Amino acid sequence: MYITFLYNLMYTYIKNDYKKGFFMKKLIIKTESEKIKSINRTIRIKPECFDKIMEISENTGISFNKVVNQCLDYALENLEES
């Protein structure tokens, strides 16, 4: 009975930490090319964000646009809605 209690306590703790992002999976930039439907929209990006995305784009050979789309997909998949 004590072991079951500990298991449930640990499970709840880990589940809550995962929801808070403590165990968030890493974003892996996909290098295969795929055609995606898109909508043109102008956005403003902080200079430090732009520099980091450009660096990822240059290091992986993936277009800036595809890196941004993968980051957005990842963020939306891991969004905790309140």
N, C-alpha and C. Protein backbone atom coordinates (compact mmCIF):
# COMPACT_ATOMS: atom_id res chain seq x y z
N MET A 1 0.82 -1.18 0.00
CA MET A 1 0.00 0.00 0.00
C MET A 1 0.88 1.26 0.00
N TYR A 2 1.93 1.25 0.77
CA TYR A 2 2.85 2.38 0.82
C TYR A 2 3.52 2.59 -0.53
N ILE A 3 3.88 1.49 -1.20
CA ILE A 3 4.53 1.58 -2.52
C ILE A 3 3.56 2.17 -3.54
N THR A 4 2.32 1.77 -3.47
CA THR A 4 1.31 2.32 -4.38
C THR A 4 1.15 3.82 -4.14
N PHE A 5 1.15 4.22 -2.90
CA PHE A 5 1.05 5.64 -2.57
C PHE A 5 2.24 6.41 -3.15
N LEU A 6 3.45 5.87 -2.96
CA LEU A 6 4.64 6.54 -3.50
C LEU A 6 4.60 6.61 -5.02
N TYR A 7 4.17 5.52 -5.64
CA TYR A 7 4.08 5.50 -7.10
C TYR A 7 3.12 6.58 -7.59
N ASN A 8 1.93 6.65 -6.97
CA ASN A 8 0.95 7.66 -7.37
C ASN A 8 1.46 9.07 -7.13
N LEU A 9 2.15 9.27 -6.03
CA LEU A 9 2.71 10.57 -5.72
C LEU A 9 3.75 10.97 -6.76
N MET A 10 4.67 10.04 -7.08
CA MET A 10 5.71 10.32 -8.08
C MET A 10 5.08 10.56 -9.45
N TYR A 11 4.10 9.75 -9.82
CA TYR A 11 3.45 9.89 -11.11
C TYR A 11 2.80 11.27 -11.23
N THR A 12 2.09 11.70 -10.20
CA THR A 12 1.45 13.01 -10.20
C THR A 12 2.48 14.12 -10.29
N TYR A 13 3.57 13.99 -9.55
CA TYR A 13 4.62 15.00 -9.55
C TYR A 13 5.25 15.11 -10.95
N ILE A 14 5.58 13.98 -11.54
CA ILE A 14 6.20 13.97 -12.87
C ILE A 14 5.23 14.50 -13.91
N LYS A 15 3.97 14.09 -13.83
CA LYS A 15 2.97 14.55 -14.79
C LYS A 15 2.81 16.07 -14.71
N ASN A 16 2.77 16.61 -13.51
CA ASN A 16 2.63 18.06 -13.34
C ASN A 16 3.88 18.79 -13.82
N ASP A 17 5.06 18.25 -13.55
CA ASP A 17 6.30 18.87 -14.03
C ASP A 17 6.36 18.86 -15.54
N TYR A 18 5.90 17.76 -16.16
CA TYR A 18 5.90 17.68 -17.61
C TYR A 18 4.99 18.76 -18.19
N LYS A 19 3.83 18.95 -17.58
CA LYS A 19 2.90 19.98 -18.06
C LYS A 19 3.50 21.37 -17.91
N LYS A 20 4.32 21.57 -16.88
CA LYS A 20 4.94 22.87 -16.66
C LYS A 20 6.12 23.10 -17.59
N GLY A 21 6.55 22.07 -18.31
CA GLY A 21 7.63 22.22 -19.25
C GLY A 21 8.99 21.76 -18.75
N PHE A 22 9.05 21.21 -17.54
CA PHE A 22 10.33 20.76 -17.02
C PHE A 22 10.90 19.60 -17.83
N PHE A 23 10.03 18.82 -18.43
CA PHE A 23 10.47 17.66 -19.21
C PHE A 23 10.11 17.85 -20.68
N MET A 24 10.11 19.09 -21.14
CA MET A 24 9.74 19.38 -22.51
C MET A 24 10.73 18.75 -23.48
N LYS A 25 10.20 18.13 -24.52
CA LYS A 25 11.08 17.52 -25.51
C LYS A 25 11.81 18.59 -26.30
N LYS A 26 12.97 18.23 -26.82
CA LYS A 26 13.79 19.16 -27.59
C LYS A 26 13.22 19.31 -29.00
N LEU A 27 13.36 20.50 -29.54
CA LEU A 27 12.98 20.76 -30.93
C LEU A 27 14.11 20.28 -31.82
N ILE A 28 13.78 19.44 -32.78
CA ILE A 28 14.76 18.96 -33.75
C ILE A 28 14.34 19.50 -35.11
N ILE A 29 15.22 20.30 -35.72
CA ILE A 29 14.92 20.88 -37.03
C ILE A 29 15.00 19.78 -38.08
N LYS A 30 13.90 19.60 -38.82
CA LYS A 30 13.84 18.59 -39.87
C LYS A 30 14.50 19.14 -41.12
N THR A 31 15.37 18.34 -41.72
CA THR A 31 16.11 18.83 -42.88
C THR A 31 15.52 18.38 -44.21
N GLU A 32 14.53 17.48 -44.17
CA GLU A 32 13.94 17.06 -45.44
C GLU A 32 13.03 18.16 -45.96
N SER A 33 13.01 18.30 -47.26
CA SER A 33 12.18 19.36 -47.82
C SER A 33 10.78 18.84 -48.08
N GLU A 34 9.82 19.67 -47.79
CA GLU A 34 8.43 19.34 -48.06
C GLU A 34 7.71 20.61 -48.45
N LYS A 35 6.82 20.49 -49.38
CA LYS A 35 6.02 21.63 -49.81
C LYS A 35 4.89 21.81 -48.81
N ILE A 36 4.69 23.04 -48.39
CA ILE A 36 3.59 23.33 -47.47
C ILE A 36 2.75 24.47 -48.04
N LYS A 37 1.46 24.41 -47.76
CA LYS A 37 0.60 25.54 -48.11
C LYS A 37 0.99 26.67 -47.17
N SER A 38 0.89 27.88 -47.66
CA SER A 38 1.28 28.99 -46.80
C SER A 38 0.41 30.20 -47.04
N ILE A 39 0.43 31.06 -46.07
CA ILE A 39 -0.27 32.35 -46.12
C ILE A 39 0.77 33.42 -45.87
N ASN A 40 0.79 34.44 -46.69
CA ASN A 40 1.74 35.53 -46.50
C ASN A 40 1.23 36.45 -45.39
N ARG A 41 2.14 36.74 -44.46
CA ARG A 41 1.80 37.62 -43.33
C ARG A 41 3.09 38.28 -42.88
N THR A 42 3.06 39.57 -42.65
CA THR A 42 4.24 40.28 -42.16
C THR A 42 4.23 40.26 -40.64
N ILE A 43 5.38 39.89 -40.03
CA ILE A 43 5.50 39.90 -38.58
C ILE A 43 6.77 40.63 -38.19
N ARG A 44 6.83 41.09 -36.96
CA ARG A 44 8.04 41.73 -36.43
C ARG A 44 8.72 40.74 -35.50
N ILE A 45 10.02 40.59 -35.68
CA ILE A 45 10.81 39.65 -34.88
C ILE A 45 11.90 40.42 -34.16
N LYS A 46 12.10 40.10 -32.89
CA LYS A 46 13.18 40.73 -32.14
C LYS A 46 14.52 40.40 -32.80
N PRO A 47 15.47 41.35 -32.81
CA PRO A 47 16.75 41.12 -33.47
C PRO A 47 17.47 39.85 -32.97
N GLU A 48 17.40 39.58 -31.64
CA GLU A 48 18.09 38.38 -31.13
C GLU A 48 17.44 37.11 -31.65
N CYS A 49 16.12 37.12 -31.80
CA CYS A 49 15.41 35.96 -32.36
C CYS A 49 15.80 35.78 -33.83
N PHE A 50 15.79 36.88 -34.56
CA PHE A 50 16.15 36.83 -35.98
C PHE A 50 17.55 36.26 -36.15
N ASP A 51 18.50 36.74 -35.34
CA ASP A 51 19.89 36.27 -35.45
C ASP A 51 19.99 34.77 -35.17
N LYS A 52 19.28 34.30 -34.14
CA LYS A 52 19.34 32.88 -33.79
C LYS A 52 18.71 32.02 -34.88
N ILE A 53 17.58 32.47 -35.44
CA ILE A 53 16.92 31.72 -36.51
C ILE A 53 17.81 31.70 -37.76
N MET A 54 18.46 32.83 -38.06
CA MET A 54 19.38 32.87 -39.21
C MET A 54 20.54 31.91 -39.00
N GLU A 55 21.05 31.88 -37.78
CA GLU A 55 22.16 30.97 -37.47
C GLU A 55 21.74 29.52 -37.67
N ILE A 56 20.55 29.16 -37.18
CA ILE A 56 20.04 27.80 -37.37
C ILE A 56 19.86 27.50 -38.86
N SER A 57 19.31 28.47 -39.57
CA SER A 57 19.08 28.31 -41.01
C SER A 57 20.39 28.06 -41.75
N GLU A 58 21.39 28.86 -41.45
CA GLU A 58 22.69 28.71 -42.12
C GLU A 58 23.39 27.41 -41.74
N ASN A 59 23.28 27.01 -40.47
CA ASN A 59 23.95 25.78 -40.02
C ASN A 59 23.28 24.51 -40.54
N THR A 60 21.98 24.57 -40.79
CA THR A 60 21.26 23.37 -41.24
C THR A 60 21.00 23.35 -42.74
N GLY A 61 21.14 24.51 -43.39
CA GLY A 61 20.83 24.59 -44.81
C GLY A 61 19.33 24.63 -45.09
N ILE A 62 18.55 24.87 -44.05
CA ILE A 62 17.10 24.97 -44.17
C ILE A 62 16.74 26.44 -44.28
N SER A 63 15.75 26.76 -45.10
CA SER A 63 15.39 28.17 -45.27
C SER A 63 14.91 28.78 -43.96
N PHE A 64 15.09 30.07 -43.86
CA PHE A 64 14.64 30.83 -42.70
C PHE A 64 13.16 30.56 -42.44
N ASN A 65 12.36 30.59 -43.50
CA ASN A 65 10.92 30.37 -43.40
C ASN A 65 10.58 29.00 -42.82
N LYS A 66 11.28 27.97 -43.27
CA LYS A 66 11.00 26.61 -42.77
C LYS A 66 11.40 26.48 -41.30
N VAL A 67 12.49 27.11 -40.91
CA VAL A 67 12.90 27.06 -39.50
C VAL A 67 11.82 27.74 -38.64
N VAL A 68 11.35 28.90 -39.08
CA VAL A 68 10.31 29.62 -38.33
C VAL A 68 9.05 28.76 -38.23
N ASN A 69 8.63 28.14 -39.34
CA ASN A 69 7.43 27.30 -39.32
C ASN A 69 7.59 26.11 -38.37
N GLN A 70 8.77 25.49 -38.35
CA GLN A 70 8.99 24.36 -37.45
C GLN A 70 8.96 24.83 -35.99
N CYS A 71 9.53 25.98 -35.72
CA CYS A 71 9.49 26.53 -34.36
C CYS A 71 8.06 26.84 -33.93
N LEU A 72 7.29 27.42 -34.83
CA LEU A 72 5.89 27.72 -34.52
C LEU A 72 5.09 26.44 -34.29
N ASP A 73 5.28 25.44 -35.14
CA ASP A 73 4.59 24.15 -34.96
C ASP A 73 4.91 23.57 -33.59
N TYR A 74 6.19 23.57 -33.24
CA TYR A 74 6.63 23.02 -31.95
C TYR A 74 6.00 23.79 -30.79
N ALA A 75 6.02 25.11 -30.89
CA ALA A 75 5.46 25.93 -29.82
C ALA A 75 3.97 25.67 -29.65
N LEU A 76 3.25 25.57 -30.74
CA LEU A 76 1.81 25.34 -30.66
C LEU A 76 1.47 23.95 -30.13
N GLU A 77 2.27 22.95 -30.51
CA GLU A 77 2.06 21.59 -30.00
C GLU A 77 2.31 21.50 -28.51
N ASN A 78 3.18 22.33 -27.99
CA ASN A 78 3.56 22.28 -26.57
C ASN A 78 2.96 23.41 -25.75
N LEU A 79 2.01 24.12 -26.31
CA LEU A 79 1.37 25.22 -25.62
C LEU A 79 0.45 24.71 -24.52
N GLU A 80 0.61 25.25 -23.35
CA GLU A 80 -0.29 24.92 -22.24
C GLU A 80 -1.34 26.02 -22.17
N GLU A 81 -2.55 25.67 -22.51
CA GLU A 81 -3.62 26.66 -22.50
C GLU A 81 -4.21 26.75 -21.10
N SER A 82 -4.49 27.97 -20.69
CA SER A 82 -5.06 28.15 -19.34
C SER A 82 -6.53 28.45 -19.40
